[in-house]
N, C-alpha and C. Protein backbone atom coordinates (compact mmCIF):
# COMPACT_ATOMS: atom_id res chain seq x y z
N MET A 1 0.85 -1.20 0.00
CA MET A 1 0.00 0.00 0.00
C MET A 1 0.88 1.24 0.00
N SER A 2 0.66 2.11 -0.97
CA SER A 2 1.39 3.37 -1.02
C SER A 2 0.90 4.27 0.11
N LYS A 3 1.80 5.01 0.68
CA LYS A 3 1.42 5.92 1.74
C LYS A 3 0.82 7.20 1.17
N THR A 4 1.55 7.84 0.26
CA THR A 4 1.11 9.13 -0.28
C THR A 4 1.06 9.09 -1.80
N LEU A 5 -0.11 9.42 -2.31
CA LEU A 5 -0.32 9.54 -3.74
C LEU A 5 -0.47 11.02 -4.05
N VAL A 6 0.20 11.50 -5.08
CA VAL A 6 0.04 12.87 -5.52
C VAL A 6 -0.62 12.85 -6.90
N ILE A 7 -1.69 13.62 -7.03
CA ILE A 7 -2.39 13.75 -8.31
C ILE A 7 -2.01 15.10 -8.92
N VAL A 8 -1.42 15.02 -10.09
CA VAL A 8 -0.94 16.21 -10.81
C VAL A 8 -1.87 16.48 -11.99
N PRO A 9 -2.33 17.71 -12.13
CA PRO A 9 -3.17 18.01 -13.29
C PRO A 9 -2.33 18.03 -14.56
N CYS A 10 -2.94 17.61 -15.66
CA CYS A 10 -2.24 17.69 -16.94
C CYS A 10 -2.12 19.17 -17.29
N GLY A 11 -1.72 19.47 -18.49
CA GLY A 11 -1.58 20.87 -18.86
C GLY A 11 -2.00 21.12 -20.29
N ALA A 12 -2.33 22.35 -20.57
CA ALA A 12 -2.74 22.72 -21.92
C ALA A 12 -1.56 22.65 -22.90
N ARG A 13 -0.37 23.05 -22.44
CA ARG A 13 0.82 23.02 -23.31
C ARG A 13 1.36 21.60 -23.36
N LYS A 14 1.53 21.13 -24.57
CA LYS A 14 2.02 19.78 -24.77
C LYS A 14 3.21 19.80 -25.72
N ILE A 15 3.98 18.75 -25.70
CA ILE A 15 5.20 18.66 -26.50
C ILE A 15 4.94 18.92 -27.98
N TRP A 16 3.77 18.56 -28.47
CA TRP A 16 3.45 18.73 -29.89
C TRP A 16 3.27 20.20 -30.27
N ASP A 17 3.12 21.08 -29.26
CA ASP A 17 3.05 22.51 -29.54
C ASP A 17 4.39 23.03 -30.07
N VAL A 18 5.48 22.41 -29.63
CA VAL A 18 6.81 22.85 -30.04
C VAL A 18 7.50 21.85 -30.97
N GLN A 19 7.01 20.63 -30.96
CA GLN A 19 7.55 19.58 -31.84
C GLN A 19 6.37 18.87 -32.52
N PRO A 20 5.75 19.52 -33.51
CA PRO A 20 4.53 18.99 -34.12
C PRO A 20 4.64 17.58 -34.69
N HIS A 21 5.83 17.18 -35.09
CA HIS A 21 5.99 15.86 -35.71
C HIS A 21 6.42 14.79 -34.71
N ARG A 22 6.52 15.17 -33.47
CA ARG A 22 6.92 14.19 -32.44
C ARG A 22 5.85 13.11 -32.35
N GLY A 23 6.26 11.93 -32.18
CA GLY A 23 5.33 10.80 -32.10
C GLY A 23 4.83 10.59 -30.68
N PRO A 24 4.37 9.38 -30.41
CA PRO A 24 3.86 9.04 -29.08
C PRO A 24 4.90 9.34 -28.00
N THR A 25 4.43 9.86 -26.87
CA THR A 25 5.32 10.34 -25.81
C THR A 25 4.76 9.95 -24.45
N ALA A 26 5.64 9.58 -23.54
CA ALA A 26 5.23 9.27 -22.17
C ALA A 26 4.57 10.51 -21.56
N ALA A 27 3.53 10.30 -20.79
CA ALA A 27 2.78 11.41 -20.20
C ALA A 27 3.68 12.35 -19.41
N ARG A 28 4.66 11.82 -18.68
CA ARG A 28 5.54 12.68 -17.87
C ARG A 28 6.28 13.70 -18.73
N ASP A 29 6.47 13.37 -20.02
CA ASP A 29 7.19 14.26 -20.93
C ASP A 29 6.29 14.98 -21.92
N ALA A 30 5.03 14.59 -21.98
CA ALA A 30 4.10 15.18 -22.95
C ALA A 30 3.65 16.58 -22.55
N TYR A 31 3.50 16.80 -21.26
CA TYR A 31 3.03 18.10 -20.77
C TYR A 31 4.24 18.97 -20.48
N ILE A 32 4.30 20.16 -21.08
CA ILE A 32 5.54 20.95 -20.99
C ILE A 32 5.36 22.33 -20.36
N GLY A 33 4.16 22.65 -19.93
CA GLY A 33 3.93 23.95 -19.32
C GLY A 33 4.56 24.06 -17.94
N THR A 34 4.83 25.27 -17.51
CA THR A 34 5.44 25.50 -16.20
C THR A 34 4.61 24.91 -15.06
N PRO A 35 3.28 25.11 -15.02
CA PRO A 35 2.53 24.53 -13.90
C PRO A 35 2.72 23.00 -13.81
N PHE A 36 2.69 22.32 -14.94
CA PHE A 36 2.89 20.87 -14.88
C PHE A 36 4.28 20.53 -14.38
N LYS A 37 5.30 21.21 -14.88
CA LYS A 37 6.67 20.93 -14.46
C LYS A 37 6.86 21.14 -12.96
N VAL A 38 6.30 22.22 -12.43
CA VAL A 38 6.41 22.49 -11.00
C VAL A 38 5.68 21.40 -10.20
N ASN A 39 4.47 21.07 -10.63
CA ASN A 39 3.69 20.05 -9.92
C ASN A 39 4.34 18.68 -10.02
N ARG A 40 4.91 18.37 -11.16
CA ARG A 40 5.62 17.10 -11.33
C ARG A 40 6.81 17.03 -10.37
N GLY A 41 7.56 18.13 -10.27
CA GLY A 41 8.69 18.17 -9.34
C GLY A 41 8.27 17.90 -7.91
N PHE A 42 7.16 18.49 -7.51
CA PHE A 42 6.61 18.26 -6.16
C PHE A 42 6.24 16.79 -6.00
N ALA A 43 5.54 16.26 -6.98
CA ALA A 43 5.05 14.87 -6.90
C ALA A 43 6.21 13.89 -6.81
N GLU A 44 7.26 14.12 -7.57
CA GLU A 44 8.40 13.20 -7.57
C GLU A 44 9.14 13.21 -6.25
N VAL A 45 9.09 14.33 -5.54
CA VAL A 45 9.79 14.43 -4.25
C VAL A 45 8.90 13.96 -3.10
N VAL A 46 7.64 14.35 -3.10
CA VAL A 46 6.76 14.13 -1.96
C VAL A 46 6.01 12.80 -2.04
N GLY A 47 5.61 12.40 -3.23
CA GLY A 47 4.76 11.22 -3.36
C GLY A 47 5.52 9.91 -3.34
N ASP A 48 4.89 8.91 -2.75
CA ASP A 48 5.39 7.54 -2.89
C ASP A 48 4.98 7.04 -4.27
N ARG A 49 3.93 7.66 -4.79
CA ARG A 49 3.39 7.35 -6.11
C ARG A 49 2.74 8.62 -6.63
N TRP A 50 2.73 8.81 -7.94
CA TRP A 50 2.02 9.95 -8.50
C TRP A 50 1.39 9.57 -9.82
N VAL A 51 0.27 10.22 -10.08
CA VAL A 51 -0.44 10.03 -11.34
C VAL A 51 -0.82 11.41 -11.88
N ILE A 52 -1.13 11.42 -13.15
CA ILE A 52 -1.57 12.64 -13.81
C ILE A 52 -3.07 12.51 -14.04
N LEU A 53 -3.80 13.59 -13.80
CA LEU A 53 -5.22 13.60 -14.11
C LEU A 53 -5.40 14.33 -15.43
N SER A 54 -5.71 13.57 -16.46
CA SER A 54 -5.94 14.09 -17.80
C SER A 54 -7.44 14.15 -18.05
N ALA A 55 -7.91 15.26 -18.58
CA ALA A 55 -9.33 15.38 -18.89
C ALA A 55 -9.75 14.41 -20.00
N LYS A 56 -8.79 13.98 -20.81
CA LYS A 56 -9.10 13.03 -21.89
C LYS A 56 -8.98 11.58 -21.44
N TYR A 57 -7.92 11.26 -20.70
CA TYR A 57 -7.61 9.88 -20.36
C TYR A 57 -7.94 9.49 -18.92
N GLY A 58 -8.21 10.47 -18.07
CA GLY A 58 -8.44 10.18 -16.66
C GLY A 58 -7.14 10.09 -15.91
N PHE A 59 -7.09 9.21 -14.92
CA PHE A 59 -5.87 9.02 -14.12
C PHE A 59 -4.89 8.18 -14.93
N ILE A 60 -3.70 8.74 -15.17
CA ILE A 60 -2.70 8.01 -15.94
C ILE A 60 -1.37 8.01 -15.21
N GLU A 61 -0.66 6.91 -15.34
CA GLU A 61 0.67 6.79 -14.77
C GLU A 61 1.63 7.65 -15.60
N PRO A 62 2.73 8.10 -15.01
CA PRO A 62 3.69 8.94 -15.74
C PRO A 62 4.23 8.29 -17.02
N ASP A 63 4.29 6.96 -17.06
CA ASP A 63 4.82 6.30 -18.25
C ASP A 63 3.74 5.93 -19.28
N PHE A 64 2.49 6.32 -19.02
CA PHE A 64 1.41 6.11 -19.98
C PHE A 64 1.76 6.84 -21.28
N VAL A 65 1.62 6.18 -22.40
CA VAL A 65 1.99 6.79 -23.68
C VAL A 65 0.80 7.52 -24.30
N ILE A 66 1.00 8.80 -24.56
CA ILE A 66 0.01 9.63 -25.24
C ILE A 66 0.41 9.67 -26.71
N THR A 67 -0.53 9.32 -27.57
CA THR A 67 -0.19 9.14 -28.98
C THR A 67 -0.02 10.43 -29.76
N GLY A 68 -0.65 11.50 -29.29
CA GLY A 68 -0.54 12.76 -30.02
C GLY A 68 -1.32 13.87 -29.33
N PRO A 69 -1.35 15.04 -29.94
CA PRO A 69 -1.99 16.20 -29.31
C PRO A 69 -3.50 16.03 -29.14
N TYR A 70 -4.00 16.69 -28.13
CA TYR A 70 -5.45 16.73 -27.89
C TYR A 70 -5.75 18.01 -27.13
N ASN A 71 -7.03 18.39 -27.11
CA ASN A 71 -7.44 19.60 -26.41
C ASN A 71 -8.76 19.33 -25.70
N VAL A 72 -8.66 18.66 -24.55
CA VAL A 72 -9.84 18.34 -23.74
C VAL A 72 -9.60 18.95 -22.37
N THR A 73 -10.63 19.57 -21.81
CA THR A 73 -10.49 20.22 -20.51
C THR A 73 -11.76 20.02 -19.67
N PHE A 74 -11.55 19.97 -18.36
CA PHE A 74 -12.71 19.88 -17.46
C PHE A 74 -13.48 21.20 -17.43
N ASN A 75 -12.84 22.28 -17.84
CA ASN A 75 -13.48 23.60 -17.83
C ASN A 75 -14.44 23.82 -19.00
N ARG A 76 -14.39 22.95 -20.00
CA ARG A 76 -15.27 23.09 -21.16
C ARG A 76 -15.91 21.73 -21.44
N LYS A 77 -17.13 21.56 -21.00
CA LYS A 77 -17.83 20.28 -21.14
C LYS A 77 -17.98 19.87 -22.61
N ALA A 78 -18.04 20.83 -23.52
CA ALA A 78 -18.17 20.52 -24.94
C ALA A 78 -16.95 19.76 -25.47
N SER A 79 -15.82 19.84 -24.75
CA SER A 79 -14.62 19.11 -25.17
C SER A 79 -14.67 17.64 -24.76
N ARG A 80 -15.73 17.27 -24.06
CA ARG A 80 -16.01 15.88 -23.66
C ARG A 80 -14.96 15.26 -22.75
N PRO A 81 -14.75 15.86 -21.57
CA PRO A 81 -13.79 15.26 -20.63
C PRO A 81 -14.34 13.95 -20.05
N VAL A 82 -13.45 13.16 -19.47
CA VAL A 82 -13.86 11.91 -18.84
C VAL A 82 -14.89 12.19 -17.75
N THR A 83 -15.69 11.19 -17.44
CA THR A 83 -16.74 11.34 -16.43
C THR A 83 -16.26 10.90 -15.06
N VAL A 84 -16.99 11.33 -14.05
CA VAL A 84 -16.70 10.90 -12.67
C VAL A 84 -16.81 9.39 -12.57
N GLU A 85 -17.78 8.81 -13.24
CA GLU A 85 -17.95 7.35 -13.21
C GLU A 85 -16.72 6.65 -13.76
N TYR A 86 -16.18 7.17 -14.85
CA TYR A 86 -14.98 6.58 -15.43
C TYR A 86 -13.80 6.71 -14.46
N LEU A 87 -13.67 7.87 -13.81
CA LEU A 87 -12.59 8.07 -12.85
C LEU A 87 -12.73 7.13 -11.66
N ARG A 88 -13.95 6.92 -11.20
CA ARG A 88 -14.17 5.98 -10.08
C ARG A 88 -13.75 4.57 -10.47
N GLN A 89 -14.02 4.18 -11.70
CA GLN A 89 -13.60 2.87 -12.19
C GLN A 89 -12.07 2.78 -12.19
N GLN A 90 -11.42 3.84 -12.66
CA GLN A 90 -9.96 3.86 -12.69
C GLN A 90 -9.36 3.82 -11.29
N ILE A 91 -9.98 4.51 -10.35
CA ILE A 91 -9.50 4.52 -8.97
C ILE A 91 -9.40 3.09 -8.46
N SER A 92 -10.44 2.32 -8.72
CA SER A 92 -10.45 0.92 -8.29
C SER A 92 -9.42 0.11 -9.06
N GLU A 93 -9.41 0.21 -10.39
CA GLU A 93 -8.49 -0.58 -11.22
C GLU A 93 -7.02 -0.28 -10.92
N LEU A 94 -6.70 0.98 -10.65
CA LEU A 94 -5.31 1.38 -10.40
C LEU A 94 -4.94 1.29 -8.92
N GLY A 95 -5.91 0.98 -8.07
CA GLY A 95 -5.63 0.87 -6.65
C GLY A 95 -5.36 2.21 -5.98
N LEU A 96 -5.87 3.28 -6.56
CA LEU A 96 -5.64 4.61 -5.99
C LEU A 96 -6.33 4.77 -4.64
N ASP A 97 -7.36 3.98 -4.40
CA ASP A 97 -8.09 4.04 -3.14
C ASP A 97 -7.35 3.29 -2.02
N GLN A 98 -6.20 2.72 -2.32
CA GLN A 98 -5.41 2.01 -1.32
C GLN A 98 -4.36 2.90 -0.68
N CYS A 99 -4.27 4.14 -1.12
CA CYS A 99 -3.30 5.08 -0.58
C CYS A 99 -3.85 5.71 0.70
N LYS A 100 -2.96 5.93 1.66
CA LYS A 100 -3.39 6.52 2.92
C LYS A 100 -3.76 7.99 2.76
N CYS A 101 -2.99 8.70 1.95
CA CYS A 101 -3.22 10.13 1.77
C CYS A 101 -3.09 10.46 0.29
N VAL A 102 -4.03 11.23 -0.22
CA VAL A 102 -3.99 11.66 -1.62
C VAL A 102 -3.85 13.17 -1.64
N VAL A 103 -2.73 13.64 -2.14
CA VAL A 103 -2.46 15.07 -2.27
C VAL A 103 -2.84 15.48 -3.68
N VAL A 104 -3.72 16.46 -3.77
CA VAL A 104 -4.24 16.89 -5.07
C VAL A 104 -3.74 18.29 -5.38
N LEU A 105 -3.10 18.42 -6.53
CA LEU A 105 -2.62 19.71 -6.99
C LEU A 105 -3.54 20.20 -8.10
N GLY A 106 -3.50 21.48 -8.37
CA GLY A 106 -4.31 22.02 -9.46
C GLY A 106 -5.40 22.94 -8.97
N GLY A 107 -6.14 23.47 -9.91
CA GLY A 107 -7.17 24.45 -9.62
C GLY A 107 -8.50 23.86 -9.20
N GLN A 108 -9.48 24.72 -9.11
CA GLN A 108 -10.81 24.38 -8.61
C GLN A 108 -11.47 23.26 -9.41
N ALA A 109 -11.35 23.29 -10.73
CA ALA A 109 -11.99 22.25 -11.55
C ALA A 109 -11.44 20.87 -11.21
N TYR A 110 -10.13 20.79 -11.00
CA TYR A 110 -9.52 19.50 -10.65
C TYR A 110 -9.94 19.08 -9.24
N ARG A 111 -10.01 20.04 -8.35
CA ARG A 111 -10.43 19.71 -6.99
C ARG A 111 -11.84 19.11 -7.00
N GLU A 112 -12.73 19.76 -7.70
CA GLU A 112 -14.12 19.29 -7.74
C GLU A 112 -14.24 17.89 -8.34
N ILE A 113 -13.53 17.64 -9.43
CA ILE A 113 -13.64 16.33 -10.08
C ILE A 113 -13.01 15.25 -9.21
N VAL A 114 -11.89 15.54 -8.55
CA VAL A 114 -11.25 14.55 -7.68
C VAL A 114 -12.12 14.27 -6.46
N GLU A 115 -12.68 15.32 -5.87
CA GLU A 115 -13.57 15.11 -4.71
C GLU A 115 -14.75 14.22 -5.10
N ALA A 116 -15.33 14.48 -6.25
CA ALA A 116 -16.47 13.68 -6.70
C ALA A 116 -16.06 12.24 -6.96
N ALA A 117 -14.90 12.04 -7.58
CA ALA A 117 -14.44 10.70 -7.92
C ALA A 117 -14.11 9.87 -6.67
N PHE A 118 -13.56 10.50 -5.63
CA PHE A 118 -13.16 9.77 -4.42
C PHE A 118 -14.25 9.75 -3.35
N ARG A 119 -15.36 10.47 -3.58
CA ARG A 119 -16.42 10.57 -2.58
C ARG A 119 -16.87 9.18 -2.11
N GLY A 120 -16.90 9.00 -0.78
CA GLY A 120 -17.39 7.76 -0.19
C GLY A 120 -16.38 6.63 -0.14
N LEU A 121 -15.16 6.87 -0.59
CA LEU A 121 -14.16 5.80 -0.62
C LEU A 121 -13.29 5.76 0.64
N GLY A 122 -13.48 6.71 1.54
CA GLY A 122 -12.73 6.70 2.79
C GLY A 122 -11.27 7.07 2.65
N VAL A 123 -10.94 7.78 1.58
CA VAL A 123 -9.56 8.20 1.35
C VAL A 123 -9.41 9.64 1.81
N GLN A 124 -8.30 9.92 2.51
CA GLN A 124 -8.04 11.28 2.96
C GLN A 124 -7.49 12.10 1.81
N LEU A 125 -8.23 13.13 1.40
CA LEU A 125 -7.78 14.01 0.34
C LEU A 125 -7.19 15.28 0.94
N CYS A 126 -6.12 15.76 0.35
CA CYS A 126 -5.45 16.95 0.83
C CYS A 126 -5.22 17.88 -0.35
N PHE A 127 -5.60 19.14 -0.20
CA PHE A 127 -5.44 20.15 -1.24
C PHE A 127 -4.57 21.27 -0.66
N PRO A 128 -3.26 21.06 -0.61
CA PRO A 128 -2.39 21.98 0.15
C PRO A 128 -2.33 23.41 -0.37
N PHE A 129 -2.60 23.62 -1.63
CA PHE A 129 -2.46 24.97 -2.18
C PHE A 129 -3.77 25.51 -2.73
N ALA A 130 -4.86 24.92 -2.27
CA ALA A 130 -6.20 25.32 -2.72
C ALA A 130 -6.47 26.78 -2.39
N GLY A 131 -7.10 27.45 -3.32
CA GLY A 131 -7.51 28.83 -3.09
C GLY A 131 -6.45 29.86 -3.41
N LEU A 132 -5.22 29.42 -3.66
CA LEU A 132 -4.17 30.38 -3.99
C LEU A 132 -4.23 30.71 -5.48
N PRO A 133 -3.95 31.96 -5.82
CA PRO A 133 -3.83 32.29 -7.25
C PRO A 133 -2.69 31.46 -7.85
N LEU A 134 -2.75 31.21 -9.16
CA LEU A 134 -1.80 30.32 -9.81
C LEU A 134 -0.34 30.64 -9.47
N GLY A 135 0.06 31.87 -9.59
CA GLY A 135 1.46 32.24 -9.31
C GLY A 135 1.88 31.89 -7.89
N LYS A 136 1.03 32.22 -6.94
CA LYS A 136 1.34 31.92 -5.54
C LYS A 136 1.32 30.42 -5.27
N ALA A 137 0.40 29.72 -5.91
CA ALA A 137 0.33 28.26 -5.74
C ALA A 137 1.60 27.61 -6.28
N LEU A 138 2.08 28.06 -7.42
CA LEU A 138 3.31 27.49 -7.99
C LEU A 138 4.50 27.79 -7.11
N GLN A 139 4.56 29.00 -6.59
CA GLN A 139 5.65 29.38 -5.69
C GLN A 139 5.61 28.52 -4.42
N ALA A 140 4.44 28.33 -3.85
CA ALA A 140 4.30 27.52 -2.63
C ALA A 140 4.64 26.06 -2.92
N THR A 141 4.27 25.58 -4.09
CA THR A 141 4.56 24.20 -4.47
C THR A 141 6.07 24.00 -4.60
N LYS A 142 6.75 24.93 -5.25
CA LYS A 142 8.21 24.85 -5.38
C LYS A 142 8.88 24.85 -4.00
N GLN A 143 8.44 25.77 -3.13
CA GLN A 143 9.03 25.89 -1.80
C GLN A 143 8.80 24.62 -0.99
N ALA A 144 7.60 24.05 -1.09
CA ALA A 144 7.29 22.83 -0.35
C ALA A 144 8.15 21.67 -0.84
N ALA A 145 8.33 21.56 -2.15
CA ALA A 145 9.17 20.49 -2.71
C ALA A 145 10.61 20.64 -2.25
N LEU A 146 11.11 21.86 -2.27
CA LEU A 146 12.48 22.11 -1.84
C LEU A 146 12.65 21.77 -0.35
N ALA A 147 11.71 22.21 0.47
CA ALA A 147 11.79 21.92 1.91
C ALA A 147 11.73 20.42 2.16
N PHE A 148 10.87 19.72 1.44
CA PHE A 148 10.75 18.28 1.62
C PHE A 148 12.04 17.59 1.19
N ARG A 149 12.61 18.03 0.06
CA ARG A 149 13.86 17.46 -0.44
C ARG A 149 14.98 17.65 0.59
N GLU A 150 15.05 18.84 1.18
CA GLU A 150 16.08 19.12 2.19
C GLU A 150 15.87 18.26 3.43
N LEU A 151 14.62 18.07 3.82
CA LEU A 151 14.31 17.23 4.98
C LEU A 151 14.72 15.79 4.73
N VAL A 152 14.40 15.29 3.55
CA VAL A 152 14.77 13.91 3.20
C VAL A 152 16.28 13.77 3.16
N SER A 153 16.98 14.73 2.59
CA SER A 153 18.44 14.67 2.52
C SER A 153 19.05 14.67 3.92
N ALA A 154 18.54 15.54 4.78
CA ALA A 154 19.05 15.60 6.15
C ALA A 154 18.78 14.29 6.89
N THR A 155 17.60 13.72 6.68
CA THR A 155 17.25 12.46 7.33
C THR A 155 18.15 11.33 6.84
N LYS A 156 18.38 11.28 5.52
CA LYS A 156 19.25 10.25 4.96
C LYS A 156 20.66 10.39 5.49
N ALA A 157 21.16 11.63 5.57
CA ALA A 157 22.51 11.87 6.06
C ALA A 157 22.63 11.42 7.52
N SER A 158 21.62 11.75 8.31
CA SER A 158 21.62 11.36 9.72
C SER A 158 21.57 9.84 9.86
N THR A 159 20.74 9.20 9.07
CA THR A 159 20.63 7.74 9.10
C THR A 159 21.95 7.10 8.68
N PHE A 160 22.59 7.67 7.67
CA PHE A 160 23.88 7.14 7.22
C PHE A 160 24.92 7.27 8.33
N ARG A 161 24.97 8.47 8.96
CA ARG A 161 25.94 8.67 10.04
C ARG A 161 25.70 7.67 11.16
N GLU A 162 24.44 7.44 11.50
CA GLU A 162 24.12 6.47 12.55
C GLU A 162 24.59 5.07 12.16
N SER A 163 24.43 4.71 10.89
CA SER A 163 24.81 3.37 10.45
C SER A 163 26.32 3.20 10.42
N GLN A 164 27.07 4.30 10.35
CA GLN A 164 28.52 4.23 10.28
C GLN A 164 29.18 4.16 11.65
N ARG A 165 28.42 4.42 12.67
CA ARG A 165 28.99 4.33 14.03
C ARG A 165 29.33 2.89 14.33
N VAL A 166 30.52 2.70 14.86
CA VAL A 166 30.96 1.35 15.21
C VAL A 166 30.90 1.25 16.72
N SER A 167 30.13 0.30 17.19
CA SER A 167 30.06 0.14 18.64
C SER A 167 31.20 -0.78 19.07
N PRO A 168 31.79 -0.45 20.21
CA PRO A 168 32.90 -1.29 20.68
C PRO A 168 32.39 -2.69 21.00
N VAL A 169 33.14 -3.66 20.57
CA VAL A 169 32.77 -5.05 20.81
C VAL A 169 33.86 -5.66 21.68
N LYS A 170 33.44 -6.21 22.80
CA LYS A 170 34.39 -6.83 23.72
C LYS A 170 34.56 -8.28 23.31
N THR A 171 35.78 -8.64 23.08
CA THR A 171 36.02 -10.05 22.74
C THR A 171 37.02 -10.64 23.72
N GLU A 172 36.87 -11.87 23.93
CA GLU A 172 37.83 -12.59 24.78
C GLU A 172 38.61 -13.53 23.91
N ILE A 173 39.89 -13.44 24.02
CA ILE A 173 40.75 -14.37 23.31
C ILE A 173 41.27 -15.38 24.32
N GLU A 174 41.18 -16.63 23.96
CA GLU A 174 41.61 -17.66 24.91
C GLU A 174 43.03 -17.41 25.35
N GLY A 175 43.20 -17.56 26.60
CA GLY A 175 44.53 -17.42 27.17
C GLY A 175 44.84 -15.99 27.62
N ASP A 176 44.02 -15.01 27.25
CA ASP A 176 44.27 -13.64 27.64
C ASP A 176 43.66 -13.30 29.00
N THR A 177 42.77 -14.15 29.47
CA THR A 177 42.14 -13.81 30.73
C THR A 177 43.02 -14.29 31.87
N PRO A 178 43.15 -13.51 32.95
CA PRO A 178 44.04 -13.89 34.05
C PRO A 178 43.50 -15.05 34.84
């Protein structure tokens, strides 16, 4: 069971915007906008597991291959985003409901869809940067990732130092005792 799952919103800017002839691409590399990059950085540091919430594909693993450009958003129903029912099915299939804590990044539309999808599943949802304007949310996300990275590094260094301590071992060699 994963302890912490981080859900990262996809982004409007995709690799095909700058490389139109690029072929299928892993989801982690398909989204190229600053908000996605910042959220991905947070997820990679803080999460035991992370997924991307795509309005077209639903919950996808970072290595999920996206075949090409698309323009689907939760903010425009005419673009035909995935349904809450579909997301609930994915939650079960991917075992997302087995995580102790689900940290959700992104704006209000993502919050609403994730809350609806996880409703009644007994999973603790956390929206650490909810209500902040985009710029402030990105700044807070970067700072939180950096602080967490420093904490992990300090903890690892301390654990390493502890493991390197040699405790004195008393041995008796035959014939040395009076």
